[in-house]
PDB file of all heavy atoms in Angstrom:
ATOM      1  N   ALA A   1     -14.807  -0.294  47.348  1.00  0.00           N
ATOM      2  CA  ALA A   1     -15.570  -1.534  47.175  1.00  0.00           C
ATOM      3  C   ALA A   1     -15.940  -1.744  45.705  1.00  0.00           C
ATOM      4  O   ALA A   1     -16.529  -0.857  45.084  1.00  0.00           O
ATOM      5  CB  ALA A   1     -16.831  -1.501  48.023  1.00  0.00           C
ATOM      6  N   PRO A   2     -15.600  -2.901  45.146  1.00  0.00           N
ATOM      7  CA  PRO A   2     -16.010  -3.183  43.767  1.00  0.00           C
ATOM      8  C   PRO A   2     -17.524  -3.103  43.620  1.00  0.00           C
ATOM      9  O   PRO A   2     -18.276  -3.604  44.455  1.00  0.00           O
ATOM     10  CB  PRO A   2     -15.499  -4.612  43.539  1.00  0.00           C
ATOM     11  CG  PRO A   2     -14.391  -4.790  44.528  1.00  0.00           C
ATOM     12  CD  PRO A   2     -14.811  -3.996  45.735  1.00  0.00           C
ATOM     13  N   GLY A   3     -17.961  -2.440  42.559  1.00  0.00           N
ATOM     14  CA  GLY A   3     -19.397  -2.333  42.300  1.00  0.00           C
ATOM     15  C   GLY A   3     -20.095  -1.210  43.027  1.00  0.00           C
ATOM     16  O   GLY A   3     -21.264  -0.917  42.747  1.00  0.00           O
ATOM     17  N   ASP A   4     -19.417  -0.554  43.966  1.00  0.00           N
ATOM     18  CA  ASP A   4     -20.033   0.544  44.711  1.00  0.00           C
ATOM     19  C   ASP A   4     -19.728   1.853  43.983  1.00  0.00           C
ATOM     20  O   ASP A   4     -18.759   2.537  44.291  1.00  0.00           O
ATOM     21  CB  ASP A   4     -19.502   0.586  46.139  1.00  0.00           C
ATOM     22  CG  ASP A   4     -20.140   1.700  46.964  1.00  0.00           C
ATOM     23  OD1 ASP A   4     -21.145   2.285  46.502  1.00  0.00           O
ATOM     24  OD2 ASP A   4     -19.634   1.994  48.065  1.00  0.00           O
ATOM     25  N   GLN A   5     -20.552   2.185  43.015  1.00  0.00           N
ATOM     26  CA  GLN A   5     -20.343   3.399  42.226  1.00  0.00           C
ATOM     27  C   GLN A   5     -21.126   4.549  42.848  1.00  0.00           C
ATOM     28  O   GLN A   5     -22.319   4.723  42.578  1.00  0.00           O
ATOM     29  CB  GLN A   5     -20.753   3.176  40.774  1.00  0.00           C
ATOM     30  CG  GLN A   5     -19.858   2.188  40.052  1.00  0.00           C
ATOM     31  CD  GLN A   5     -20.002   2.278  38.541  1.00  0.00           C
ATOM     32  OE1 GLN A   5     -20.837   2.998  38.013  1.00  0.00           O
ATOM     33  NE2 GLN A   5     -19.172   1.547  37.836  1.00  0.00           N
ATOM     34  N   GLN A   6     -20.454   5.307  43.682  1.00  0.00           N
ATOM     35  CA  GLN A   6     -21.106   6.443  44.328  1.00  0.00           C
ATOM     36  C   GLN A   6     -21.529   7.456  43.279  1.00  0.00           C
ATOM     37  O   GLN A   6     -20.793   7.738  42.332  1.00  0.00           O
ATOM     38  CB  GLN A   6     -20.148   7.094  45.332  1.00  0.00           C
ATOM     39  CG  GLN A   6     -19.801   6.214  46.518  1.00  0.00           C
ATOM     40  CD  GLN A   6     -18.807   6.879  47.458  1.00  0.00           C
ATOM     41  OE1 GLN A   6     -17.913   7.591  47.010  1.00  0.00           O
ATOM     42  NE2 GLN A   6     -18.954   6.638  48.740  1.00  0.00           N
ATOM     43  N   ALA A   7     -22.713   8.012  43.451  1.00  0.00           N
ATOM     44  CA  ALA A   7     -23.230   8.983  42.490  1.00  0.00           C
ATOM     45  C   ALA A   7     -22.290  10.173  42.385  1.00  0.00           C
ATOM     46  O   ALA A   7     -21.712  10.623  43.383  1.00  0.00           O
ATOM     47  CB  ALA A   7     -24.620   9.449  42.921  1.00  0.00           C
ATOM     48  N   ALA A   8     -22.143  10.689  41.181  1.00  0.00           N
ATOM     49  CA  ALA A   8     -21.213  11.788  40.937  1.00  0.00           C
ATOM     50  C   ALA A   8     -21.516  12.991  41.826  1.00  0.00           C
ATOM     51  O   ALA A   8     -20.601  13.688  42.286  1.00  0.00           O
ATOM     52  CB  ALA A   8     -21.261  12.189  39.461  1.00  0.00           C
ATOM     53  N   ARG A   9     -22.784  13.230  42.104  1.00  0.00           N
ATOM     54  CA  ARG A   9     -23.161  14.423  42.869  1.00  0.00           C
ATOM     55  C   ARG A   9     -22.649  14.385  44.306  1.00  0.00           C
ATOM     56  O   ARG A   9     -22.591  15.424  44.982  1.00  0.00           O
ATOM     57  CB  ARG A   9     -24.682  14.589  42.864  1.00  0.00           C
ATOM     58  CG  ARG A   9     -25.417  13.498  43.611  1.00  0.00           C
ATOM     59  CD  ARG A   9     -26.925  13.706  43.601  1.00  0.00           C
ATOM     60  NE  ARG A   9     -27.616  12.690  44.376  1.00  0.00           N
ATOM     61  CZ  ARG A   9     -27.938  11.482  43.928  1.00  0.00           C
ATOM     62  NH1 ARG A   9     -27.658  11.158  42.674  1.00  0.00           N
ATOM     63  NH2 ARG A   9     -28.551  10.612  44.703  1.00  0.00           N
ATOM     64  N   THR A  10     -22.272  13.192  44.810  1.00  0.00           N
ATOM     65  CA  THR A  10     -21.829  13.079  46.203  1.00  0.00           C
ATOM     66  C   THR A  10     -20.347  13.408  46.371  1.00  0.00           C
ATOM     67  O   THR A  10     -19.904  13.660  47.493  1.00  0.00           O
ATOM     68  CB  THR A  10     -22.084  11.664  46.750  1.00  0.00           C
ATOM     69  OG1 THR A  10     -21.235  10.721  46.054  1.00  0.00           O
ATOM     70  CG2 THR A  10     -23.540  11.263  46.551  1.00  0.00           C
ATOM     71  N   TRP A  11     -19.581  13.393  45.308  1.00  0.00           N
ATOM     72  CA  TRP A  11     -18.131  13.563  45.419  1.00  0.00           C
ATOM     73  C   TRP A  11     -17.699  14.968  45.828  1.00  0.00           C
ATOM     74  O   TRP A  11     -16.815  15.119  46.690  1.00  0.00           O
ATOM     75  CB  TRP A  11     -17.441  13.160  44.117  1.00  0.00           C
ATOM     76  CG  TRP A  11     -17.469  11.695  43.819  1.00  0.00           C
ATOM     77  CD1 TRP A  11     -18.564  10.911  43.576  1.00  0.00           C
ATOM     78  CD2 TRP A  11     -16.339  10.826  43.718  1.00  0.00           C
ATOM     79  NE1 TRP A  11     -18.180   9.609  43.332  1.00  0.00           N
ATOM     80  CE2 TRP A  11     -16.824   9.529  43.410  1.00  0.00           C
ATOM     81  CE3 TRP A  11     -14.967  11.013  43.841  1.00  0.00           C
ATOM     82  CZ2 TRP A  11     -15.990   8.441  43.233  1.00  0.00           C
ATOM     83  CZ3 TRP A  11     -14.117   9.929  43.668  1.00  0.00           C
ATOM     84  CH2 TRP A  11     -14.635   8.651  43.374  1.00  0.00           C
ATOM     85  N   PRO A  12     -18.255  16.034  45.247  1.00  0.00           N
ATOM     86  CA  PRO A  12     -17.756  17.376  45.603  1.00  0.00           C
ATOM     87  C   PRO A  12     -17.871  17.692  47.078  1.00  0.00           C
ATOM     88  O   PRO A  12     -16.979  18.339  47.649  1.00  0.00           O
ATOM     89  CB  PRO A  12     -18.638  18.305  44.753  1.00  0.00           C
ATOM     90  CG  PRO A  12     -19.049  17.474  43.587  1.00  0.00           C
ATOM     91  CD  PRO A  12     -19.234  16.096  44.151  1.00  0.00           C
ATOM     92  N   HIS A  13     -18.953  17.252  47.716  1.00  0.00           N
ATOM     93  CA  HIS A  13     -19.160  17.572  49.131  1.00  0.00           C
ATOM     94  C   HIS A  13     -18.007  17.053  49.984  1.00  0.00           C
ATOM     95  O   HIS A  13     -17.437  17.793  50.806  1.00  0.00           O
ATOM     96  CB  HIS A  13     -20.488  16.972  49.602  1.00  0.00           C
ATOM     97  CG  HIS A  13     -20.750  17.155  51.064  1.00  0.00           C
ATOM     98  ND1 HIS A  13     -20.978  18.385  51.635  1.00  0.00           N
ATOM     99  CD2 HIS A  13     -20.819  16.248  52.088  1.00  0.00           C
ATOM    100  CE1 HIS A  13     -21.169  18.241  52.932  1.00  0.00           C
ATOM    101  NE2 HIS A  13     -21.083  16.959  53.235  1.00  0.00           N
ATOM    102  N   GLU A  14     -17.629  15.785  49.801  1.00  0.00           N
ATOM    103  CA  GLU A  14     -16.539  15.237  50.606  1.00  0.00           C
ATOM    104  C   GLU A  14     -15.210  15.899  50.262  1.00  0.00           C
ATOM    105  O   GLU A  14     -14.395  16.175  51.161  1.00  0.00           O
ATOM    106  CB  GLU A  14     -16.446  13.721  50.432  1.00  0.00           C
ATOM    107  CG  GLU A  14     -15.414  13.081  51.348  1.00  0.00           C
ATOM    108  CD  GLU A  14     -15.496  11.565  51.405  1.00  0.00           C
ATOM    109  OE1 GLU A  14     -16.459  10.988  50.857  1.00  0.00           O
ATOM    110  OE2 GLU A  14     -14.585  10.957  52.007  1.00  0.00           O
ATOM    111  N   CYS A  15     -14.975  16.170  48.999  1.00  0.00           N
ATOM    112  CA  CYS A  15     -13.739  16.856  48.603  1.00  0.00           C
ATOM    113  C   CYS A  15     -13.604  18.192  49.329  1.00  0.00           C
ATOM    114  O   CYS A  15     -12.545  18.507  49.893  1.00  0.00           O
ATOM    115  CB  CYS A  15     -13.708  17.094  47.092  1.00  0.00           C
ATOM    116  SG  CYS A  15     -13.506  15.622  46.074  1.00  0.00           S
ATOM    117  N   LEU A  16     -14.661  18.984  49.305  1.00  0.00           N
ATOM    118  CA  LEU A  16     -14.599  20.308  49.927  1.00  0.00           C
ATOM    119  C   LEU A  16     -14.472  20.220  51.440  1.00  0.00           C
ATOM    120  O   LEU A  16     -13.733  21.007  52.058  1.00  0.00           O
ATOM    121  CB  LEU A  16     -15.846  21.107  49.535  1.00  0.00           C
ATOM    122  CG  LEU A  16     -15.922  21.495  48.052  1.00  0.00           C
ATOM    123  CD1 LEU A  16     -17.275  22.113  47.726  1.00  0.00           C
ATOM    124  CD2 LEU A  16     -14.793  22.458  47.674  1.00  0.00           C
ATOM    125  N   ARG A  17     -15.147  19.259  52.055  1.00  0.00           N
ATOM    126  CA  ARG A  17     -15.001  19.056  53.502  1.00  0.00           C
ATOM    127  C   ARG A  17     -13.554  18.735  53.859  1.00  0.00           C
ATOM    128  O   ARG A  17     -13.007  19.238  54.847  1.00  0.00           O
ATOM    129  CB  ARG A  17     -15.904  17.920  53.983  1.00  0.00           C
ATOM    130  CG  ARG A  17     -17.380  18.247  54.091  1.00  0.00           C
ATOM    131  CD  ARG A  17     -18.120  17.071  54.717  1.00  0.00           C
ATOM    132  NE  ARG A  17     -17.710  16.860  56.103  1.00  0.00           N
ATOM    133  CZ  ARG A  17     -18.485  17.026  57.143  1.00  0.00           C
ATOM    134  NH1 ARG A  17     -19.740  17.408  56.974  1.00  0.00           N
ATOM    135  NH2 ARG A  17     -18.049  16.809  58.366  1.00  0.00           N
ATOM    136  N   ASP A  18     -12.934  17.864  53.065  1.00  0.00           N
ATOM    137  CA  ASP A  18     -11.560  17.452  53.354  1.00  0.00           C
ATOM    138  C   ASP A  18     -10.594  18.624  53.219  1.00  0.00           C
ATOM    139  O   ASP A  18      -9.670  18.784  54.038  1.00  0.00           O
ATOM    140  CB  ASP A  18     -11.141  16.321  52.417  1.00  0.00           C
ATOM    141  CG  ASP A  18     -11.879  15.015  52.697  1.00  0.00           C
ATOM    142  OD1 ASP A  18     -12.540  14.922  53.747  1.00  0.00           O
ATOM    143  OD2 ASP A  18     -11.794  14.099  51.867  1.00  0.00           O
ATOM    144  N   LEU A  19     -10.774  19.440  52.197  1.00  0.00           N
ATOM    145  CA  LEU A  19      -9.910  20.606  52.031  1.00  0.00           C
ATOM    146  C   LEU A  19     -10.118  21.595  53.175  1.00  0.00           C
ATOM    147  O   LEU A  19      -9.156  22.165  53.705  1.00  0.00           O
ATOM    148  CB  LEU A  19     -10.177  21.269  50.685  1.00  0.00           C
ATOM    149  CG  LEU A  19      -9.770  20.452  49.452  1.00  0.00           C
ATOM    150  CD1 LEU A  19     -10.262  21.128  48.179  1.00  0.00           C
ATOM    151  CD2 LEU A  19      -8.254  20.255  49.387  1.00  0.00           C
ATOM    152  N   ASP A  20     -11.354  21.794  53.571  1.00  0.00           N
ATOM    153  CA  ASP A  20     -11.633  22.697  54.683  1.00  0.00           C
ATOM    154  C   ASP A  20     -11.018  22.189  55.987  1.00  0.00           C
ATOM    155  O   ASP A  20     -10.624  22.988  56.851  1.00  0.00           O
ATOM    156  CB  ASP A  20     -13.150  22.861  54.870  1.00  0.00           C
ATOM    157  CG  ASP A  20     -13.787  23.713  53.780  1.00  0.00           C
ATOM    158  OD1 ASP A  20     -13.047  24.418  53.065  1.00  0.00           O
ATOM    159  OD2 ASP A  20     -15.027  23.664  53.644  1.00  0.00           O
ATOM    160  N   ALA A  21     -10.921  20.869  56.122  1.00  0.00           N
ATOM    161  CA  ALA A  21     -10.355  20.283  57.345  1.00  0.00           C
ATOM    162  C   ALA A  21      -8.834  20.413  57.398  1.00  0.00           C
ATOM    163  O   ALA A  21      -8.240  20.217  58.460  1.00  0.00           O
ATOM    164  CB  ALA A  21     -10.749  18.819  57.452  1.00  0.00           C
ATOM    165  N   GLY A  22      -8.209  20.717  56.254  1.00  0.00           N
ATOM    166  CA  GLY A  22      -6.755  20.909  56.266  1.00  0.00           C
ATOM    167  C   GLY A  22      -5.984  20.110  55.246  1.00  0.00           C
ATOM    168  O   GLY A  22      -4.750  20.185  55.203  1.00  0.00           O
ATOM    169  N   ALA A  23      -6.685  19.331  54.400  1.00  0.00           N
ATOM    170  CA  ALA A  23      -5.983  18.585  53.357  1.00  0.00           C
ATOM    171  C   ALA A  23      -5.415  19.556  52.317  1.00  0.00           C
ATOM    172  O   ALA A  23      -6.048  20.555  51.970  1.00  0.00           O
ATOM    173  CB  ALA A  23      -6.925  17.599  52.686  1.00  0.00           C
ATOM    174  N   ALA A  24      -4.233  19.231  51.814  1.00  0.00           N
ATOM    175  CA  ALA A  24      -3.625  20.031  50.749  1.00  0.00           C
ATOM    176  C   ALA A  24      -4.119  19.602  49.383  1.00  0.00           C
ATOM    177  O   ALA A  24      -4.252  20.418  48.471  1.00  0.00           O
ATOM    178  CB  ALA A  24      -2.103  19.917  50.816  1.00  0.00           C
ATOM    179  N   LEU A  25      -4.383  18.289  49.243  1.00  0.00           N
ATOM    180  CA  LEU A  25      -4.825  17.714  47.985  1.00  0.00           C
ATOM    181  C   LEU A  25      -5.908  16.685  48.268  1.00  0.00           C
ATOM    182  O   LEU A  25      -5.901  16.044  49.328  1.00  0.00           O
ATOM    183  CB  LEU A  25      -3.657  17.017  47.267  1.00  0.00           C
ATOM    184  CG  LEU A  25      -2.468  17.868  46.838  1.00  0.00           C
ATOM    185  CD1 LEU A  25      -1.281  16.966  46.480  1.00  0.00           C
ATOM    186  CD2 LEU A  25      -2.834  18.747  45.645  1.00  0.00           C
ATOM    187  N   VAL A  26      -6.822  16.516  47.323  1.00  0.00           N
ATOM    188  CA  VAL A  26      -7.744  15.396  47.388  1.00  0.00           C
ATOM    189  C   VAL A  26      -7.340  14.382  46.321  1.00  0.00           C
ATOM    190  O   VAL A  26      -6.825  14.740  45.258  1.00  0.00           O
ATOM    191  CB  VAL A  26      -9.212  15.820  47.200  1.00  0.00           C
ATOM    192  CG1 VAL A  26      -9.675  16.669  48.366  1.00  0.00           C
ATOM    193  CG2 VAL A  26      -9.423  16.562  45.892  1.00  0.00           C
ATOM    194  N   VAL A  27      -7.547  13.129  46.634  1.00  0.00           N
ATOM    195  CA  VAL A  27      -7.170  12.025  45.756  1.00  0.00           C
ATOM    196  C   VAL A  27      -8.427  11.274  45.386  1.00  0.00           C
ATOM    197  O   VAL A  27      -9.171  10.820  46.260  1.00  0.00           O
ATOM    198  CB  VAL A  27      -6.178  11.072  46.465  1.00  0.00           C
ATOM    199  CG1 VAL A  27      -5.795   9.918  45.542  1.00  0.00           C
ATOM    200  CG2 VAL A  27      -4.941  11.828  46.929  1.00  0.00           C
ATOM    201  N   THR A  28      -8.688  11.125  44.088  1.00  0.00           N
ATOM    202  CA  THR A  28      -9.865  10.373  43.662  1.00  0.00           C
ATOM    203  C   THR A  28      -9.511   8.896  43.596  1.00  0.00           C
ATOM    204  O   THR A  28      -8.542   8.505  42.971  1.00  0.00           O
ATOM    205  CB  THR A  28     -10.378  10.864  42.296  1.00  0.00           C
ATOM    206  OG1 THR A  28      -9.368  10.691  41.300  1.00  0.00           O
ATOM    207  CG2 THR A  28     -10.784  12.328  42.373  1.00  0.00           C
ATOM    208  N   GLU A  29     -10.321   8.098  44.246  1.00  0.00           N
ATOM    209  CA  GLU A  29     -10.054   6.664  44.403  1.00  0.00           C
ATOM    210  C   GLU A  29     -10.015   5.937  43.056  1.00  0.00           C
ATOM    211  O   GLU A  29     -10.824   6.167  42.171  1.00  0.00           O
ATOM    212  CB  GLU A  29     -11.139   6.044  45.286  1.00  0.00           C
ATOM    213  CG  GLU A  29     -10.998   4.560  45.519  1.00  0.00           C
ATOM    214  CD  GLU A  29      -9.766   4.222  46.327  1.00  0.00           C
ATOM    215  OE1 GLU A  29      -9.781   4.443  47.547  1.00  0.00           O
ATOM    216  OE2 GLU A  29      -8.792   3.744  45.715  1.00  0.00           O
ATOM    217  N   GLY A  30      -9.033   5.052  42.938  1.00  0.00           N
ATOM    218  CA  GLY A  30      -8.941   4.180  41.775  1.00  0.00           C
ATOM    219  C   GLY A  30      -8.339   2.839  42.124  1.00  0.00           C
ATOM    220  O   GLY A  30      -8.428   1.897  41.352  1.00  0.00           O
ATOM    221  N   ARG A  31      -7.684   2.797  43.300  1.00  0.00           N
ATOM    222  CA  ARG A  31      -6.953   1.624  43.768  1.00  0.00           C
ATOM    223  C   ARG A  31      -5.878   1.211  42.754  1.00  0.00           C
ATOM    224  O   ARG A  31      -5.688   1.827  41.711  1.00  0.00           O
ATOM    225  CB  ARG A  31      -7.876   0.445  44.079  1.00  0.00           C
ATOM    226  CG  ARG A  31      -8.897   0.734  45.163  1.00  0.00           C
ATOM    227  CD  ARG A  31      -9.450  -0.517  45.802  1.00  0.00           C
ATOM    228  NE  ARG A  31      -8.487  -1.107  46.742  1.00  0.00           N
ATOM    229  CZ  ARG A  31      -8.746  -2.184  47.469  1.00  0.00           C
ATOM    230  NH1 ARG A  31      -9.905  -2.816  47.339  1.00  0.00           N
ATOM    231  NH2 ARG A  31      -7.843  -2.654  48.304  1.00  0.00           N
ATOM    232  N   GLN A  32      -5.166   0.152  43.079  1.00  0.00           N
ATOM    233  CA  GLN A  32      -4.145  -0.378  42.182  1.00  0.00           C
ATOM    234  C   GLN A  32      -4.769  -1.022  40.958  1.00  0.00           C
ATOM    235  O   GLN A  32      -4.163  -1.081  39.882  1.00  0.00           O
ATOM    236  CB  GLN A  32      -3.276  -1.395  42.932  1.00  0.00           C
ATOM    237  CG  GLN A  32      -2.068  -1.888  42.143  1.00  0.00           C
ATOM    238  CD  GLN A  32      -1.320  -2.973  42.884  1.00  0.00           C
ATOM    239  OE1 GLN A  32      -1.897  -3.727  43.671  1.00  0.00           O
ATOM    240  NE2 GLN A  32      -0.017  -3.073  42.648  1.00  0.00           N
ATOM    241  N   SER A  33      -6.018  -1.460  41.092  1.00  0.00           N
ATOM    242  CA  SER A  33      -6.683  -2.172  39.997  1.00  0.00           C
ATOM    243  C   SER A  33      -7.226  -1.245  38.924  1.00  0.00           C
ATOM    244  O   SER A  33      -7.396  -1.649  37.765  1.00  0.00           O
ATOM    245  CB  SER A  33      -7.835  -3.014  40.550  1.00  0.00           C
ATOM    246  OG  SER A  33      -8.843  -2.167  41.099  1.00  0.00           O
ATOM    247  N   GLY A  34      -7.575  -0.026  39.294  1.00  0.00           N
ATOM    248  CA  GLY A  34      -8.205   0.875  38.348  1.00  0.00           C
ATOM    249  C   GLY A  34      -9.607   0.467  37.970  1.00  0.00           C
ATOM    250  O   GLY A  34     -10.068   0.749  36.854  1.00  0.00           O
ATOM    251  N   THR A  35     -10.335  -0.154  38.894  1.00  0.00           N
ATOM    252  CA  THR A  35     -11.686  -0.644  38.588  1.00  0.00           C
ATOM    253  C   THR A  35     -12.709  -0.214  39.634  1.00  0.00           C
ATOM    254  O   THR A  35     -13.796  -0.802  39.708  1.00  0.00           O
ATOM    255  CB  THR A  35     -11.696  -2.178  38.493  1.00  0.00           C
ATOM    256  OG1 THR A  35     -11.199  -2.736  39.726  1.00  0.00           O
ATOM    257  CG2 THR A  35     -10.835  -2.660  37.330  1.00  0.00           C
ATOM    258  N   VAL A  36     -12.395   0.779  40.442  1.00  0.00           N
ATOM    259  CA  VAL A  36     -13.333   1.269  41.450  1.00  0.00           C
ATOM    260  C   VAL A  36     -13.290   2.795  41.453  1.00  0.00           C
ATOM    261  O   VAL A  36     -12.462   3.413  40.794  1.00  0.00           O
ATOM    262  CB  VAL A  36     -12.992   0.737  42.872  1.00  0.00           C
ATOM    263  CG1 VAL A  36     -13.040  -0.774  42.928  1.00  0.00           C
ATOM    264  CG2 VAL A  36     -11.620   1.241  43.328  1.00  0.00           C
ATOM    265  N   GLY A  37     -14.178   3.390  42.230  1.00  0.00           N
ATOM    266  CA  GLY A  37     -14.133   4.829  42.430  1.00  0.00           C
ATOM    267  C   GLY A  37     -14.380   5.618  41.164  1.00  0.00           C
ATOM    268  O   GLY A  37     -15.500   5.689  40.662  1.00  0.00           O
ATOM    269  N   THR A  38     -13.313   6.183  40.634  1.00  0.00           N
ATOM    270  CA  THR A  38     -13.402   7.017  39.433  1.00  0.00           C
ATOM    271  C   THR A  38     -13.647   6.206  38.177  1.00  0.00           C
ATOM    272  O   THR A  38     -13.892   6.777  37.111  1.00  0.00           O
ATOM    273  CB  THR A  38     -12.083   7.807  39.254  1.00  0.00           C
ATOM    274  OG1 THR A  38     -11.564   8.164  40.534  1.00  0.00           O
ATOM    275  CG2 THR A  38     -12.306   9.074  38.457  1.00  0.00           C
ATOM    276  N   PHE A  39     -13.562   4.884  38.289  1.00  0.00           N
ATOM    277  CA  PHE A  39     -13.665   4.000  37.126  1.00  0.00           C
ATOM    278  C   PHE A  39     -14.786   2.983  37.312  1.00  0.00           C
ATOM    279  O   PHE A  39     -15.178   2.666  38.440  1.00  0.00           O
ATOM    280  CB  PHE A  39     -12.337   3.256  36.910  1.00  0.00           C
ATOM    281  CG  PHE A  39     -11.147   4.184  36.928  1.00  0.00           C
ATOM    282  CD1 PHE A  39     -10.311   4.243  38.029  1.00  0.00           C
ATOM    283  CD2 PHE A  39     -10.889   5.017  35.852  1.00  0.00           C
ATOM    284  CE1 PHE A  39      -9.235   5.115  38.065  1.00  0.00           C
ATOM    285  CE2 PHE A  39      -9.812   5.888  35.870  1.00  0.00           C
ATOM    286  CZ  PHE A  39      -8.981   5.945  36.978  1.00  0.00           C
TER     287      PHE A  39
END
């Protein structure tokens, strides 16, 4: 979502949960626009 800048402290928790669930890699959101998520 544009403008929804999740606090940095919230990102590691979801990353680790996803890896524990069986993900091989985590992908940090940026979309095609490069104006959300990590940006």
